[in-house]
Amino acid sequence: MIDIKRVLDAGLKSPAHVGVGLPKTTVDSVKKGLESEGGTVKISGYDDPRLLVLALKNGTIDAAVRGTMSSAKILEELKHQFSIPEVMRTAVLEDTKGRRFLLTPIGIDEGMNAESRTRLVLATQAYFAAAGWRVDVAVMSKGRFEDRGRSKEVDLSLDAGEKLCQRLRKDGMKAEHYAILIEDAVSKADLIVAPDGVCGNLIFRSMHYLGGGKAYGAPVVNLRKVFVDTSRGKTDFTDSILLAAGLVSVKAGLQKRS
């Protein structure tokens, strides 16, 4: 079960210092809005991806939010500064019915095979376990089960979905294969695993930009530090900042109790 509200509430009262890739005027506006709600999180704006990532690396800030910075530049900087071969992101979303869930992969070059999707799911589980969450997984594929035989691509996707479920169950996770029925998956699972990053990106864009759902941001789940990726199309980054600050506070609180 995931508890996004708890993390957002913790973010509002967090003493964390969050760096965000936004112009100073926008940062000032966000600060005023949070202060009017009793928020205590500290925010600093950055206009250079390298400086933002370096500030996160050296501890000048406790968490970072991409904001409107270039995705390609910031992801390359993360890989370089933290010596990671790939950047794994999992989006935190909410549909118009108020159902909150996680979605991965979401990058167009991510999750293109079963092994990479397996790494993403395991990294997501480990990352959010530090926030006290245990996720139930819904694996998606490109057709209904009864569509088998209509297309080689659909057949391969269905087979891959079954294999991914079996692998995750062996690792002790609760995983079910919902084929293409995402409407059922969202109502029963915490983490939606798209067939590949292109499908995941389309799900995200359709839900957020066309369907009116909320996109809180996408934490990088193979990074110890808190970095929340965002879409440049967002008009308000307040929720992403609260998500970042909340993850810092919730994780720190759990570590103190353990």
C-alpha atoms as a PDB file:
ATOM      1  CA  MET A   1       0.000   0.000   0.000  1.00  0.00           C
ATOM      2  CA  ILE A   2       1.221   3.483  -0.841  1.00  0.00           C
ATOM      3  CA  ASP A   3       0.428   6.622   1.158  1.00  0.00           C
ATOM      4  CA  ILE A   4       1.187   9.622  -1.015  1.00  0.00           C
ATOM      5  CA  LYS A   5      -0.853  11.986   1.145  1.00  0.00           C
ATOM      6  CA  ARG A   6       1.369  11.256   4.138  1.00  0.00           C
ATOM      7  CA  VAL A   7       4.456  12.125   2.117  1.00  0.00           C
ATOM      8  CA  LEU A   8       2.944  15.366   0.782  1.00  0.00           C
ATOM      9  CA  ASP A   9       1.808  16.382   4.276  1.00  0.00           C
ATOM     10  CA  ALA A  10       5.304  15.663   5.592  1.00  0.00           C
ATOM     11  CA  GLY A  11       6.726  17.783   2.771  1.00  0.00           C
ATOM     12  CA  LEU A  12       4.705  20.826   3.793  1.00  0.00           C
ATOM     13  CA  LYS A  13       6.163  20.763   7.337  1.00  0.00           C
ATOM     14  CA  SER A  14       9.593  19.543   6.309  1.00  0.00           C
ATOM     15  CA  PRO A  15      12.741  21.522   7.161  1.00  0.00           C
ATOM     16  CA  ALA A  16      14.361  20.097   4.019  1.00  0.00           C
ATOM     17  CA  HIS A  17      16.134  22.352   1.531  1.00  0.00           C
ATOM     18  CA  VAL A  18      14.934  21.625  -2.010  1.00  0.00           C
ATOM     19  CA  GLY A  19      16.702  22.892  -5.136  1.00  0.00           C
ATOM     20  CA  VAL A  20      14.482  23.290  -8.188  1.00  0.00           C
ATOM     21  CA  GLY A  21      15.160  24.154 -11.812  1.00  0.00           C
ATOM     22  CA  LEU A  22      12.918  27.202 -12.020  1.00  0.00           C
ATOM     23  CA  PRO A  23      13.413  30.954 -12.563  1.00  0.00           C
ATOM     24  CA  LYS A  24      13.745  33.098  -9.420  1.00  0.00           C
ATOM     25  CA  THR A  25      10.395  34.825  -9.976  1.00  0.00           C
ATOM     26  CA  THR A  26       8.613  31.455 -10.119  1.00  0.00           C
ATOM     27  CA  VAL A  27      10.466  30.209  -7.034  1.00  0.00           C
ATOM     28  CA  ASP A  28       9.450  33.326  -5.114  1.00  0.00           C
ATOM     29  CA  SER A  29       5.818  32.727  -6.057  1.00  0.00           C
ATOM     30  CA  VAL A  30       5.989  29.096  -4.899  1.00  0.00           C
ATOM     31  CA  LYS A  31       7.594  30.171  -1.614  1.00  0.00           C
ATOM     32  CA  LYS A  32       4.808  32.657  -0.898  1.00  0.00           C
ATOM     33  CA  GLY A  33       2.159  30.051  -1.662  1.00  0.00           C
ATOM     34  CA  LEU A  34       3.700  27.476   0.673  1.00  0.00           C
ATOM     35  CA  GLU A  35       4.301  30.008   3.446  1.00  0.00           C
ATOM     36  CA  SER A  36       0.624  31.004   3.304  1.00  0.00           C
ATOM     37  CA  GLU A  37      -0.231  27.342   3.971  1.00  0.00           C
ATOM     38  CA  GLY A  38       2.204  27.115   6.889  1.00  0.00           C
ATOM     39  CA  GLY A  39       4.914  25.399   4.892  1.00  0.00           C
ATOM     40  CA  THR A  40       8.459  25.290   6.289  1.00  0.00           C
ATOM     41  CA  VAL A  41      10.345  23.734   3.362  1.00  0.00           C
ATOM     42  CA  LYS A  42      13.235  25.856   2.056  1.00  0.00           C
ATOM     43  CA  ILE A  43      13.445  26.347  -1.727  1.00  0.00           C
ATOM     44  CA  SER A  44      16.285  27.571  -3.949  1.00  0.00           C
ATOM     45  CA  GLY A  45      16.110  28.089  -7.719  1.00  0.00           C
ATOM     46  CA  TYR A  46      18.792  26.906 -10.163  1.00  0.00           C
ATOM     47  CA  ASP A  47      19.241  27.666 -13.866  1.00  0.00           C
ATOM     48  CA  ASP A  48      22.136  25.282 -14.565  1.00  0.00           C
ATOM     49  CA  PRO A  49      21.607  21.466 -14.520  1.00  0.00           C
ATOM     50  CA  ARG A  50      25.201  20.833 -13.469  1.00  0.00           C
ATOM     51  CA  LEU A  51      25.000  23.182 -10.498  1.00  0.00           C
ATOM     52  CA  LEU A  52      21.699  21.664  -9.365  1.00  0.00           C
ATOM     53  CA  VAL A  53      23.057  18.119  -9.473  1.00  0.00           C
ATOM     54  CA  LEU A  54      26.322  19.133  -7.796  1.00  0.00           C
ATOM     55  CA  ALA A  55      24.372  20.851  -5.010  1.00  0.00           C
ATOM     56  CA  LEU A  56      22.464  17.617  -4.457  1.00  0.00           C
ATOM     57  CA  LYS A  57      25.629  15.540  -4.535  1.00  0.00           C
ATOM     58  CA  ASN A  58      27.590  17.658  -2.058  1.00  0.00           C
ATOM     59  CA  GLY A  59      24.694  18.165   0.356  1.00  0.00           C
ATOM     60  CA  THR A  60      24.088  21.879  -0.229  1.00  0.00           C
ATOM     61  CA  ILE A  61      20.469  20.856  -0.788  1.00  0.00           C
ATOM     62  CA  ASP A  62      18.601  17.836   0.593  1.00  0.00           C
ATOM     63  CA  ALA A  63      16.573  17.128  -2.540  1.00  0.00           C
ATOM     64  CA  ALA A  64      16.223  18.352  -6.107  1.00  0.00           C
ATOM     65  CA  VAL A  65      13.360  18.849  -8.558  1.00  0.00           C
ATOM     66  CA  ARG A  66      14.038  19.130 -12.288  1.00  0.00           C
ATOM     67  CA  GLY A  67      11.447  21.827 -12.962  1.00  0.00           C
ATOM     68  CA  THR A  68      11.733  23.233 -16.481  1.00  0.00           C
ATOM     69  CA  MET A  69      15.313  22.135 -17.150  1.00  0.00           C
ATOM     70  CA  SER A  70      16.171  20.018 -20.205  1.00  0.00           C
ATOM     71  CA  SER A  71      15.547  16.328 -19.564  1.00  0.00           C
ATOM     72  CA  ALA A  72      18.535  15.151 -21.627  1.00  0.00           C
ATOM     73  CA  LYS A  73      20.979  17.488 -19.872  1.00  0.00           C
ATOM     74  CA  ILE A  74      19.815  16.776 -16.329  1.00  0.00           C
ATOM     75  CA  LEU A  75      19.726  12.984 -16.814  1.00  0.00           C
ATOM     76  CA  GLU A  76      23.233  12.951 -18.273  1.00  0.00           C
ATOM     77  CA  GLU A  77      24.462  15.067 -15.370  1.00  0.00           C
ATOM     78  CA  LEU A  78      22.894  12.655 -12.859  1.00  0.00           C
ATOM     79  CA  LYS A  79      24.588   9.681 -14.521  1.00  0.00           C
ATOM     80  CA  HIS A  80      27.939  11.465 -14.610  1.00  0.00           C
ATOM     81  CA  GLN A  81      27.962  12.922 -11.090  1.00  0.00           C
ATOM     82  CA  PHE A  82      26.542   9.849  -9.331  1.00  0.00           C
ATOM     83  CA  SER A  83      28.295   7.261 -11.525  1.00  0.00           C
ATOM     84  CA  ILE A  84      25.125   5.357 -12.445  1.00  0.00           C
ATOM     85  CA  PRO A  85      24.754   3.640 -15.858  1.00  0.00           C
ATOM     86  CA  GLU A  86      21.084   4.553 -16.232  1.00  0.00           C
ATOM     87  CA  VAL A  87      18.507   6.800 -14.615  1.00  0.00           C
ATOM     88  CA  MET A  88      15.448   4.863 -13.416  1.00  0.00           C
ATOM     89  CA  ARG A  89      12.295   6.919 -12.884  1.00  0.00           C
ATOM     90  CA  THR A  90       8.889   6.011 -11.503  1.00  0.00           C
ATOM     91  CA  ALA A  91       6.048   8.517 -11.757  1.00  0.00           C
ATOM     92  CA  VAL A  92       3.667   9.305  -8.894  1.00  0.00           C
ATOM     93  CA  LEU A  93       0.208   9.911 -10.381  1.00  0.00           C
ATOM     94  CA  GLU A  94      -3.415  10.470  -9.451  1.00  0.00           C
ATOM     95  CA  ASP A  95      -6.397   9.894 -11.743  1.00  0.00           C
ATOM     96  CA  THR A  96      -9.605  11.931 -11.825  1.00  0.00           C
ATOM     97  CA  LYS A  97     -11.223   9.546  -9.321  1.00  0.00           C
ATOM     98  CA  GLY A  98      -8.540  10.345  -6.759  1.00  0.00           C
ATOM     99  CA  ARG A  99      -6.759   7.009  -7.119  1.00  0.00           C
ATOM    100  CA  ARG A 100      -3.031   7.452  -6.574  1.00  0.00           C
ATOM    101  CA  PHE A 101      -0.547   5.032  -8.095  1.00  0.00           C
ATOM    102  CA  LEU A 102       2.987   4.614  -9.446  1.00  0.00           C
ATOM    103  CA  LEU A 103       3.880   4.144 -13.124  1.00  0.00           C
ATOM    104  CA  THR A 104       7.053   2.827 -14.742  1.00  0.00           C
ATOM    105  CA  PRO A 105       8.774   2.880 -17.225  1.00  0.00           C
ATOM    106  CA  ILE A 106       8.027   6.413 -18.411  1.00  0.00           C
ATOM    107  CA  GLY A 107      11.040   7.370 -20.532  1.00  0.00           C
ATOM    108  CA  ILE A 108      10.855   6.569 -24.256  1.00  0.00           C
ATOM    109  CA  ASP A 109      14.185   4.722 -24.087  1.00  0.00           C
ATOM    110  CA  GLU A 110      13.452   2.834 -20.842  1.00  0.00           C
ATOM    111  CA  GLY A 111      12.020  -0.606 -20.125  1.00  0.00           C
ATOM    112  CA  MET A 112      12.512  -1.931 -23.638  1.00  0.00           C
ATOM    113  CA  ASN A 113      13.039  -5.521 -22.478  1.00  0.00           C
ATOM    114  CA  ALA A 114      12.018  -7.793 -19.611  1.00  0.00           C
ATOM    115  CA  GLU A 115      15.318  -7.438 -17.775  1.00  0.00           C
ATOM    116  CA  SER A 116      15.205  -3.644 -17.705  1.00  0.00           C
ATOM    117  CA  ARG A 117      11.576  -3.665 -16.507  1.00  0.00           C
ATOM    118  CA  THR A 118      12.512  -6.132 -13.797  1.00  0.00           C
ATOM    119  CA  ARG A 119      15.309  -3.817 -12.613  1.00  0.00           C
ATOM    120  CA  LEU A 120      12.896  -0.892 -12.604  1.00  0.00           C
ATOM    121  CA  VAL A 121      10.311  -2.717 -10.497  1.00  0.00           C
ATOM    122  CA  LEU A 122      12.840  -4.003  -7.986  1.00  0.00           C
ATOM    123  CA  ALA A 123      14.481  -0.579  -7.689  1.00  0.00           C
ATOM    124  CA  THR A 124      11.052   1.029  -7.216  1.00  0.00           C
ATOM    125  CA  GLN A 125      10.122  -1.410  -4.474  1.00  0.00           C
ATOM    126  CA  ALA A 126      13.428  -0.853  -2.657  1.00  0.00           C
ATOM    127  CA  TYR A 127      13.209   2.932  -2.998  1.00  0.00           C
ATOM    128  CA  PHE A 128       9.694   3.297  -1.643  1.00  0.00           C
ATOM    129  CA  ALA A 129      10.251   0.655   1.039  1.00  0.00           C
ATOM    130  CA  ALA A 130      12.417   3.351   2.637  1.00  0.00           C
ATOM    131  CA  ALA A 131       9.205   5.407   2.861  1.00  0.00           C
ATOM    132  CA  GLY A 132       7.385   2.490   4.507  1.00  0.00           C
ATOM    133  CA  TRP A 133       5.554   1.349   1.381  1.00  0.00           C
ATOM    134  CA  ARG A 134       5.123  -2.160   0.012  1.00  0.00           C
ATOM    135  CA  VAL A 135       3.754  -2.086  -3.521  1.00  0.00           C
ATOM    136  CA  ASP A 136       1.432  -4.501  -5.294  1.00  0.00           C
ATOM    137  CA  VAL A 137       2.409  -4.716  -8.969  1.00  0.00           C
ATOM    138  CA  ALA A 138       0.214  -4.714 -12.076  1.00  0.00           C
ATOM    139  CA  VAL A 139       2.046  -5.829 -15.213  1.00  0.00           C
ATOM    140  CA  MET A 140       0.592  -4.541 -18.484  1.00  0.00           C
ATOM    141  CA  SER A 141       0.885  -5.842 -22.033  1.00  0.00           C
ATOM    142  CA  LYS A 142      -0.309  -4.779 -25.472  1.00  0.00           C
ATOM    143  CA  GLY A 143      -3.558  -6.748 -25.747  1.00  0.00           C
ATOM    144  CA  ARG A 144      -6.177  -8.822 -23.951  1.00  0.00           C
ATOM    145  CA  PHE A 145      -5.399 -12.459 -23.217  1.00  0.00           C
ATOM    146  CA  GLU A 146      -8.003 -13.489 -25.807  1.00  0.00           C
ATOM    147  CA  ASP A 147      -6.212 -11.365 -28.416  1.00  0.00           C
ATOM    148  CA  ARG A 148      -3.440 -13.935 -28.652  1.00  0.00           C
ATOM    149  CA  GLY A 149      -2.869 -14.896 -32.272  1.00  0.00           C
ATOM    150  CA  ARG A 150      -4.010 -11.602 -33.781  1.00  0.00           C
ATOM    151  CA  SER A 151      -0.543 -10.056 -33.847  1.00  0.00           C
ATOM    152  CA  LYS A 152       2.995 -11.282 -33.264  1.00  0.00           C
ATOM    153  CA  GLU A 153       3.753  -8.103 -31.320  1.00  0.00           C
ATOM    154  CA  VAL A 154       0.772  -8.697 -29.017  1.00  0.00           C
ATOM    155  CA  ASP A 155       1.748 -12.351 -28.526  1.00  0.00           C
ATOM    156  CA  LEU A 156       5.306 -11.401 -27.589  1.00  0.00           C
ATOM    157  CA  SER A 157       4.041  -8.737 -25.192  1.00  0.00           C
ATOM    158  CA  LEU A 158       1.652 -11.154 -23.470  1.00  0.00           C
ATOM    159  CA  ASP A 159       4.463 -13.704 -23.090  1.00  0.00           C
ATOM    160  CA  ALA A 160       6.791 -11.034 -21.680  1.00  0.00           C
ATOM    161  CA  GLY A 161       4.123  -9.945 -19.190  1.00  0.00           C
ATOM    162  CA  GLU A 162       3.693 -13.489 -17.902  1.00  0.00           C
ATOM    163  CA  LYS A 163       7.431 -13.976 -17.536  1.00  0.00           C
ATOM    164  CA  LEU A 164       7.824 -10.669 -15.697  1.00  0.00           C
ATOM    165  CA  CYS A 165       5.088 -11.642 -13.234  1.00  0.00           C
ATOM    166  CA  GLN A 166       6.734 -14.988 -12.568  1.00  0.00           C
ATOM    167  CA  ARG A 167      10.107 -13.347 -11.986  1.00  0.00           C
ATOM    168  CA  LEU A 168       8.680 -10.761  -9.575  1.00  0.00           C
ATOM    169  CA  ARG A 169       6.778 -13.413  -7.615  1.00  0.00           C
ATOM    170  CA  LYS A 170      10.002 -15.377  -7.210  1.00  0.00           C
ATOM    171  CA  ASP A 171      11.489 -12.228  -5.680  1.00  0.00           C
ATOM    172  CA  GLY A 172       8.664 -12.182  -3.139  1.00  0.00           C
ATOM    173  CA  MET A 173       6.538  -9.454  -4.700  1.00  0.00           C
ATOM    174  CA  LYS A 174       2.790  -9.528  -5.249  1.00  0.00           C
ATOM    175  CA  ALA A 175       2.382  -9.232  -9.013  1.00  0.00           C
ATOM    176  CA  GLU A 176      -0.531  -9.804 -11.371  1.00  0.00           C
ATOM    177  CA  HIS A 177      -0.748  -9.616 -15.161  1.00  0.00           C
ATOM    178  CA  TYR A 178      -3.647  -7.404 -16.271  1.00  0.00           C
ATOM    179  CA  ALA A 179      -2.875  -7.558 -20.014  1.00  0.00           C
ATOM    180  CA  ILE A 180      -4.130  -4.245 -21.538  1.00  0.00           C
ATOM    181  CA  LEU A 181      -6.851  -3.585 -18.934  1.00  0.00           C
ATOM    182  CA  ILE A 182      -5.231  -0.645 -17.166  1.00  0.00           C
ATOM    183  CA  GLU A 183      -8.634   0.462 -15.826  1.00  0.00           C
ATOM    184  CA  ASP A 184      -8.730  -2.719 -13.725  1.00  0.00           C
ATOM    185  CA  ALA A 185      -5.067  -2.525 -12.785  1.00  0.00           C
ATOM    186  CA  VAL A 186      -5.285   0.999 -11.354  1.00  0.00           C
ATOM    187  CA  SER A 187      -8.157   0.021  -9.053  1.00  0.00           C
ATOM    188  CA  LYS A 188      -6.293  -2.969  -7.585  1.00  0.00           C
ATOM    189  CA  ALA A 189      -2.548  -2.316  -7.685  1.00  0.00           C
ATOM    190  CA  ASP A 190      -0.043   0.313  -6.545  1.00  0.00           C
ATOM    191  CA  LEU A 191       2.566   0.081  -9.300  1.00  0.00           C
ATOM    192  CA  ILE A 192       1.596  -0.073 -12.981  1.00  0.00           C
ATOM    193  CA  VAL A 193       4.319  -1.538 -15.211  1.00  0.00           C
ATOM    194  CA  ALA A 194       3.855  -0.495 -18.837  1.00  0.00           C
ATOM    195  CA  PRO A 195       4.944  -2.821 -21.688  1.00  0.00           C
ATOM    196  CA  ASP A 196       7.779  -0.408 -22.506  1.00  0.00           C
ATOM    197  CA  GLY A 197       8.802   3.204 -21.990  1.00  0.00           C
ATOM    198  CA  VAL A 198       6.959   4.478 -25.061  1.00  0.00           C
ATOM    199  CA  CYS A 199       3.684   3.007 -23.791  1.00  0.00           C
ATOM    200  CA  GLY A 200       4.392   4.343 -20.310  1.00  0.00           C
ATOM    201  CA  ASN A 201       5.068   7.822 -21.672  1.00  0.00           C
ATOM    202  CA  LEU A 202       1.811   7.747 -23.642  1.00  0.00           C
ATOM    203  CA  ILE A 203      -0.118   6.586 -20.555  1.00  0.00           C
ATOM    204  CA  PHE A 204       1.383   9.429 -18.537  1.00  0.00           C
ATOM    205  CA  ARG A 205       0.711  12.093 -21.178  1.00  0.00           C
ATOM    206  CA  SER A 206      -2.815  10.913 -21.939  1.00  0.00           C
ATOM    207  CA  MET A 207      -3.764  10.826 -18.285  1.00  0.00           C
ATOM    208  CA  HIS A 208      -2.118  14.100 -17.253  1.00  0.00           C
ATOM    209  CA  TYR A 209      -2.447  16.361 -20.281  1.00  0.00           C
ATOM    210  CA  LEU A 210      -5.703  15.072 -21.764  1.00  0.00           C
ATOM    211  CA  GLY A 211      -7.509  13.325 -18.919  1.00  0.00           C
ATOM    212  CA  GLY A 212      -6.996  15.862 -16.157  1.00  0.00           C
ATOM    213  CA  GLY A 213      -5.051  13.571 -13.820  1.00  0.00           C
ATOM    214  CA  LYS A 214      -2.296  14.816 -11.511  1.00  0.00           C
ATOM    215  CA  ALA A 215       1.397  14.160 -11.994  1.00  0.00           C
ATOM    216  CA  TYR A 216       3.344  14.772  -8.778  1.00  0.00           C
ATOM    217  CA  GLY A 217       6.698  13.925 -10.300  1.00  0.00           C
ATOM    218  CA  ALA A 218       8.942  10.948 -10.918  1.00  0.00           C
ATOM    219  CA  PRO A 219      11.586  10.166  -8.273  1.00  0.00           C
ATOM    220  CA  VAL A 220      14.813   8.597  -9.530  1.00  0.00           C
ATOM    221  CA  VAL A 221      14.604   5.228  -7.815  1.00  0.00           C
ATOM    222  CA  ASN A 222      18.211   4.073  -8.268  1.00  0.00           C
ATOM    223  CA  LEU A 223      19.619   7.086  -6.441  1.00  0.00           C
ATOM    224  CA  ARG A 224      20.096   7.370  -2.680  1.00  0.00           C
ATOM    225  CA  LYS A 225      19.556  11.107  -2.834  1.00  0.00           C
ATOM    226  CA  VAL A 226      16.063  12.425  -3.580  1.00  0.00           C
ATOM    227  CA  PHE A 227      15.729  13.716  -7.131  1.00  0.00           C
ATOM    228  CA  VAL A 228      12.225  14.227  -8.534  1.00  0.00           C
ATOM    229  CA  ASP A 229      11.960  14.446 -12.302  1.00  0.00           C
ATOM    230  CA  THR A 230       9.118  16.511 -13.744  1.00  0.00           C
ATOM    231  CA  SER A 231       7.547  17.316 -17.076  1.00  0.00           C
ATOM    232  CA  ARG A 232       8.298  20.780 -18.428  1.00  0.00           C
ATOM    233  CA  GLY A 233       4.629  21.019 -19.373  1.00  0.00           C
ATOM    234  CA  LYS A 234       3.578  21.359 -15.732  1.00  0.00           C
ATOM    235  CA  THR A 235       2.256  24.772 -14.787  1.00  0.00           C
ATOM    236  CA  ASP A 236       2.701  24.387 -11.018  1.00  0.00           C
ATOM    237  CA  PHE A 237       5.624  22.553  -9.425  1.00  0.00           C
ATOM    238  CA  THR A 238       4.484  22.964  -5.818  1.00  0.00           C
ATOM    239  CA  ASP A 239       3.336  19.346  -5.495  1.00  0.00           C
ATOM    240  CA  SER A 240       6.652  18.067  -6.885  1.00  0.00           C
ATOM    241  CA  ILE A 241       8.569  20.155  -4.336  1.00  0.00           C
ATOM    242  CA  LEU A 242       6.385  18.800  -1.521  1.00  0.00           C
ATOM    243  CA  LEU A 243       6.924  15.262  -2.794  1.00  0.00           C
ATOM    244  CA  ALA A 244      10.700  15.749  -2.732  1.00  0.00           C
ATOM    245  CA  ALA A 245      10.733  17.335   0.728  1.00  0.00           C
ATOM    246  CA  GLY A 246       8.317  14.735   2.058  1.00  0.00           C
ATOM    247  CA  LEU A 247      10.434  11.837   0.816  1.00  0.00           C
ATOM    248  CA  VAL A 248      13.461  13.314   2.599  1.00  0.00           C
ATOM    249  CA  SER A 249      11.546  13.667   5.884  1.00  0.00           C
ATOM    250  CA  VAL A 250       9.713  10.331   5.758  1.00  0.00           C
ATOM    251  CA  LYS A 251      12.848   8.368   4.885  1.00  0.00           C
ATOM    252  CA  ALA A 252      14.846  10.120   7.611  1.00  0.00           C
ATOM    253  CA  GLY A 253      12.117   9.370  10.161  1.00  0.00           C
ATOM    254  CA  LEU A 254      12.032   5.688   9.298  1.00  0.00           C
ATOM    255  CA  GLN A 255      15.817   5.414   9.460  1.00  0.00           C
ATOM    256  CA  LYS A 256      15.833   6.961  12.962  1.00  0.00           C
ATOM    257  CA  ARG A 257      13.286   4.385  14.169  1.00  0.00           C
ATOM    258  CA  SER A 258      15.119   1.426  12.663  1.00  0.00           C
END
